[in-house]
Amino acid sequence: MVEVKRKGIAAKLRPATLEGVQCLYVDVNSVAAALSDPEELFRSMASFPGRAVLVIDA
């Protein structure tokens, strides 16, 4: 957890988890472009316990 203070406001930030997420929408083109191995996206999706919707736009 990281505490951030800006303009008099303090916020505690923590890493997001997929716990409780039932459906995940993934922009395939954006994610695959950021990965060194584009197939890693599909390996990761296979281990996701919920439902995943892969969005492909042209």
C-alpha atoms as a PDB file:
ATOM      1  CA  MET A   1       0.000   0.000   0.000  1.00  0.00           C
ATOM      2  CA  VAL A   2       1.231   3.471  -0.858  1.00  0.00           C
ATOM      3  CA  GLU A   3       0.062   6.687   0.770  1.00  0.00           C
ATOM      4  CA  VAL A   4      -0.127   9.712  -1.534  1.00  0.00           C
ATOM      5  CA  LYS A   5      -0.671  13.287  -0.384  1.00  0.00           C
ATOM      6  CA  ARG A   6      -1.604  16.029  -2.825  1.00  0.00           C
ATOM      7  CA  LYS A   7      -3.239  19.405  -2.254  1.00  0.00           C
ATOM      8  CA  GLY A   8      -4.110  18.530   1.323  1.00  0.00           C
ATOM      9  CA  ILE A   9      -5.792  15.259   0.432  1.00  0.00           C
ATOM     10  CA  ALA A  10      -4.292  11.955   1.567  1.00  0.00           C
ATOM     11  CA  ALA A  11      -5.163   8.738  -0.251  1.00  0.00           C
ATOM     12  CA  LYS A  12      -4.012   5.192   0.334  1.00  0.00           C
ATOM     13  CA  LEU A  13      -3.444   3.283  -2.869  1.00  0.00           C
ATOM     14  CA  ARG A  14      -3.180  -0.466  -3.088  1.00  0.00           C
ATOM     15  CA  PRO A  15      -2.754  -2.809  -6.031  1.00  0.00           C
ATOM     16  CA  ALA A  16      -5.973  -3.892  -7.701  1.00  0.00           C
ATOM     17  CA  THR A  17      -7.005  -7.520  -7.551  1.00  0.00           C
ATOM     18  CA  LEU A  18      -9.403  -9.499  -9.689  1.00  0.00           C
ATOM     19  CA  GLU A  19     -11.168 -10.851  -6.616  1.00  0.00           C
ATOM     20  CA  GLY A  20     -14.900 -10.417  -7.058  1.00  0.00           C
ATOM     21  CA  VAL A  21     -14.605  -9.500 -10.755  1.00  0.00           C
ATOM     22  CA  GLN A  22     -17.075 -11.598 -12.720  1.00  0.00           C
ATOM     23  CA  CYS A  23     -16.463 -10.244 -16.214  1.00  0.00           C
ATOM     24  CA  LEU A  24     -13.391  -8.582 -17.691  1.00  0.00           C
ATOM     25  CA  TYR A  25     -13.384  -6.637 -20.987  1.00  0.00           C
ATOM     26  CA  VAL A  26     -10.019  -6.620 -22.752  1.00  0.00           C
ATOM     27  CA  ASP A  27      -9.004  -4.436 -25.708  1.00  0.00           C
ATOM     28  CA  VAL A  28      -6.909  -7.078 -27.473  1.00  0.00           C
ATOM     29  CA  ASN A  29      -5.018  -4.706 -29.788  1.00  0.00           C
ATOM     30  CA  SER A  30      -3.867  -2.388 -26.988  1.00  0.00           C
ATOM     31  CA  VAL A  31      -2.817  -5.137 -24.604  1.00  0.00           C
ATOM     32  CA  ALA A  32      -1.083  -7.282 -27.224  1.00  0.00           C
ATOM     33  CA  ALA A  33       0.879  -4.267 -28.490  1.00  0.00           C
ATOM     34  CA  ALA A  34       2.219  -3.638 -24.980  1.00  0.00           C
ATOM     35  CA  LEU A  35       3.420  -7.211 -24.459  1.00  0.00           C
ATOM     36  CA  SER A  36       6.735  -8.565 -25.676  1.00  0.00           C
ATOM     37  CA  ASP A  37       4.989 -11.891 -26.405  1.00  0.00           C
ATOM     38  CA  PRO A  38       1.435 -11.256 -27.717  1.00  0.00           C
ATOM     39  CA  GLU A  39       0.408 -14.863 -26.954  1.00  0.00           C
ATOM     40  CA  GLU A  40       0.926 -14.072 -23.264  1.00  0.00           C
ATOM     41  CA  LEU A  41      -2.465 -12.332 -23.364  1.00  0.00           C
ATOM     42  CA  PHE A  42      -4.242 -15.583 -24.191  1.00  0.00           C
ATOM     43  CA  ARG A  43      -2.293 -17.581 -21.598  1.00  0.00           C
ATOM     44  CA  SER A  44      -3.286 -15.026 -18.963  1.00  0.00           C
ATOM     45  CA  MET A  45      -6.930 -15.114 -20.007  1.00  0.00           C
ATOM     46  CA  ALA A  46      -6.971 -18.908 -19.712  1.00  0.00           C
ATOM     47  CA  SER A  47      -6.094 -18.627 -16.015  1.00  0.00           C
ATOM     48  CA  PHE A  48      -8.724 -15.932 -15.274  1.00  0.00           C
ATOM     49  CA  PRO A  49     -11.440 -17.513 -13.102  1.00  0.00           C
ATOM     50  CA  GLY A  50     -14.288 -15.334 -14.432  1.00  0.00           C
ATOM     51  CA  ARG A  51     -15.667 -14.586 -17.862  1.00  0.00           C
ATOM     52  CA  ALA A  52     -13.561 -12.590 -20.294  1.00  0.00           C
ATOM     53  CA  VAL A  53     -14.750 -10.635 -23.311  1.00  0.00           C
ATOM     54  CA  LEU A  54     -12.041  -9.920 -25.855  1.00  0.00           C
ATOM     55  CA  VAL A  55     -12.751  -6.713 -27.804  1.00  0.00           C
ATOM     56  CA  ILE A  56     -11.188  -6.423 -31.234  1.00  0.00           C
ATOM     57  CA  ASP A  57     -11.702  -3.116 -33.037  1.00  0.00           C
ATOM     58  CA  ALA A  58     -10.499  -2.044 -36.435  1.00  0.00           C
END
